[in-house]
Amino acid sequence: MRIVSWNVNSIRTLKQYHPWCEHKSYATILETLNADIVCFQEMKITKSNVDSDLALVPGYDAFFTFPKKRHGYAGSTTYVRSAFTPVDAEEGFTGSASGTRGLSAINGEIGCYGKLYSEFTAAELAELDAEGRVIITDHRLFVLINAYFPVDDPDEDRHAFRMRFYRAMRMRIDALIEAGRQVVLAGDINACYSARDHCDPKKSMREHGIDEFWDTPARTWLRDLVQPRGPLHDTYRVLHPDAEKPFTCWNTLINARPVNYGTRIDYILITHGLLPWLCESAVEAEVLGSDHCPVSCHFHDVHPETGEDICGAMTPEGGNLEMTRHPPKLCVKYWETFAGTQKKLSSFFVPKAERDGQAKAAAEEKEYVETSVNAPAPEKPVLKGPPVPIVAAPVSEKVATSVARPRKTLIPAATVAGKKKGAKPSQPKIAAFFGTKVAAPPPPNLTSKSNGQNSLSTSSASASVTEPIPPLTGDLGATSKDVSLSSQSTSRDHSPVSTQQNVAALLVPTNGQAEAAVSQWRTLLNKPPPPVCYHREPAKQFTVNKPGINRGRSFYLCARPVGPEHDPRMADDTLGDANVELPSQSSQTSSASSQNNPSAIMSTAYSRGRKPLAETRCNFFQWLKPPKRTLPNADRNGDDGSVDKKRKS
């Protein structure tokens, strides 16, 4: 049997990442995980968001818990294969969240609440279960607790809530163990009890102001829960005691996952009685889709000492392996939405007897309509007799006059709309802003002759056109001689339209000129290239979101993922990676040209004893735009960030 625990950080966005985007349903996702029990945390959905695809997964029984106040926050779900369906399930871990449980159901089928109701008030217990963090299933062989623990928060109220949550959880686990039950705690505990499970323990200790890594409330609680100090065993450390950096969570905002710069805060913990069943445990860091990765453990199908089958050990008392196992009432298949017992909206407004009568009348009316439609149509009577002669009516003089009148020429609607009062002119082109206006040609003199044909008479003087200024794209190759129109060409064209076409042809750029214009505009409008970091790679742009005077400003950092402050893979006397080429000594000494060169600055830093380049992010920093504010006289600094020595003295 295989158990998987995974903080998915919103089940709705899981399908947006590879390889889950290739799956059409959640059933294929569970098949890919290949687990008999799947524990999801941080679902971030509400009960109204649960559809049949998510709830009714073939071959699995689902158990959901939702936050009561902060909708779309937290939430846990447990999928159990039908062969291992639990005998009971409970929402929450204090007995106050489930609708079938409460203060009167302390001694239920799962039970074992210990001193919870004597140490905490009913309101405090209800508050612990109100965020939908825990769901418990009883599999007879063990009690599975799927939990999403609160994150560390500097707020005093949230810190107090977190400590109550830890204390109540420990009391419930101790009560189950005292009752002789085996316990499996799986989920995101949001704490690590060992320095080996943290990417930078020294930095963490310095930030928390502690001398021992475990000397925080959450780490102390987890350290006292796990062996050798507590009753539970860390399944991964039992089988992999010397594994290095088995991290399960990374900060995606700083792209820390590619270099495995994270922490191990997801666990599967078991009691001592389940150790003989344990055969494998793994951290599946290669599975993407969240800022966490799944953790898993395998149980033997057959007990190695007693030979007992695990399916038989998880079968309810008095049952057998071939019996049909029904999940507990907390299972989502019993919801009214999916059980087919949900009432329709019409049932709240129409009595049942009247609704039955309306349905019967509608059925009879439908049957009558179908009968009428299928009936043959009656034949029309045929009138027999001599044909009636058709006499053409005389055409009146008025009608004849209107018929002989020539029709009017239809004008396109676009032309009429353009001539309306207040109509906007067509949008000008960019070239119109860089050249002078072209003088319109003089209107032609149209004279009518006796034969009804129109002739064009123009003056002997040539119609000169003002020479336009070449646009930004370059010279169009047109001069005043080419633009001027002589009387001979005008008389030869015999049309004012040809004159306008010649002028327009001079203003239309060729293909080469158009490409040159596009290239110049792209050069003008494109963003400047990003600066180069100390690795000689393009830097990445970020924006300040923290409240303060710099909020909204953009800056550049090294594009590589964040790593520890000092990479242990790099020796102190090395200058960087093998692929990083450093400038020569002559380029380092050129002050005028290398003051703004990041590589030269980094080389100077080496000579001053700073840390060498590593495979992770370097300390390159540059503002997108320099600050415009001025500091007070007492604290005024130079433009480059150095303190003014004259004012300091």
Foldseek 3Di string as FASTA:
>chain_A
DKEKEEALQAPVQLCVDPPNVVDPAVLVVVVVVVGQKYKYKFRQADPVPDDCRNAVRPQWFKFWFAAQPPHSTIIMMMIHGQLQFFPDKDQAQQQPPDPVGHPVCCVPPQHQQACPCVVDPRVLRCVLRNHNFWMWGHLLQAIEIRGDQDADDPDPVVVVNRLVNLVSVVSSVVSCVVVVHKYKYWYFLNDDQDPQQAQAQVVVCVVVVHDDSQPDSSNVSVVCCEPPNHFKHFLQCVVVVPDGLLYFADDVVQPALVVSRHGHRTTIIIGPVQVQQWDDKHFCSVDDNHRGGMIMTGGDQARPPPRDGVSVSSDDPPDDSPDRDDHDPSTPCNDCVNVVNDDDPVPVPDPPVVVVVVVVVVVVVVVVVVVVVPDDDDDDDDDDDDDDDDDDDDDDPVNVVVVPDDDDDDDDPVVVQCPDPPDDDDDDDPQPVFKDDKDDFDDWDWDADPVRDIFTDDDQAWGFIDDMDGGPLDDLPDDRVNLIGGPVVCNVVRDPVVNVVSVVVSVDHDPVSVVSVVVVVCVVPPDDFAAAALQRHGWDKDADCDDDPRHGFIKTWHSFGDHDPADVVDDQPDAEDPPRDADDPVVLPPCPPCVPPNSSVSVVVVVVRDGHYYRGTDPDMGTPDQDDDADDLQAGDDSVRHRDVVSVD
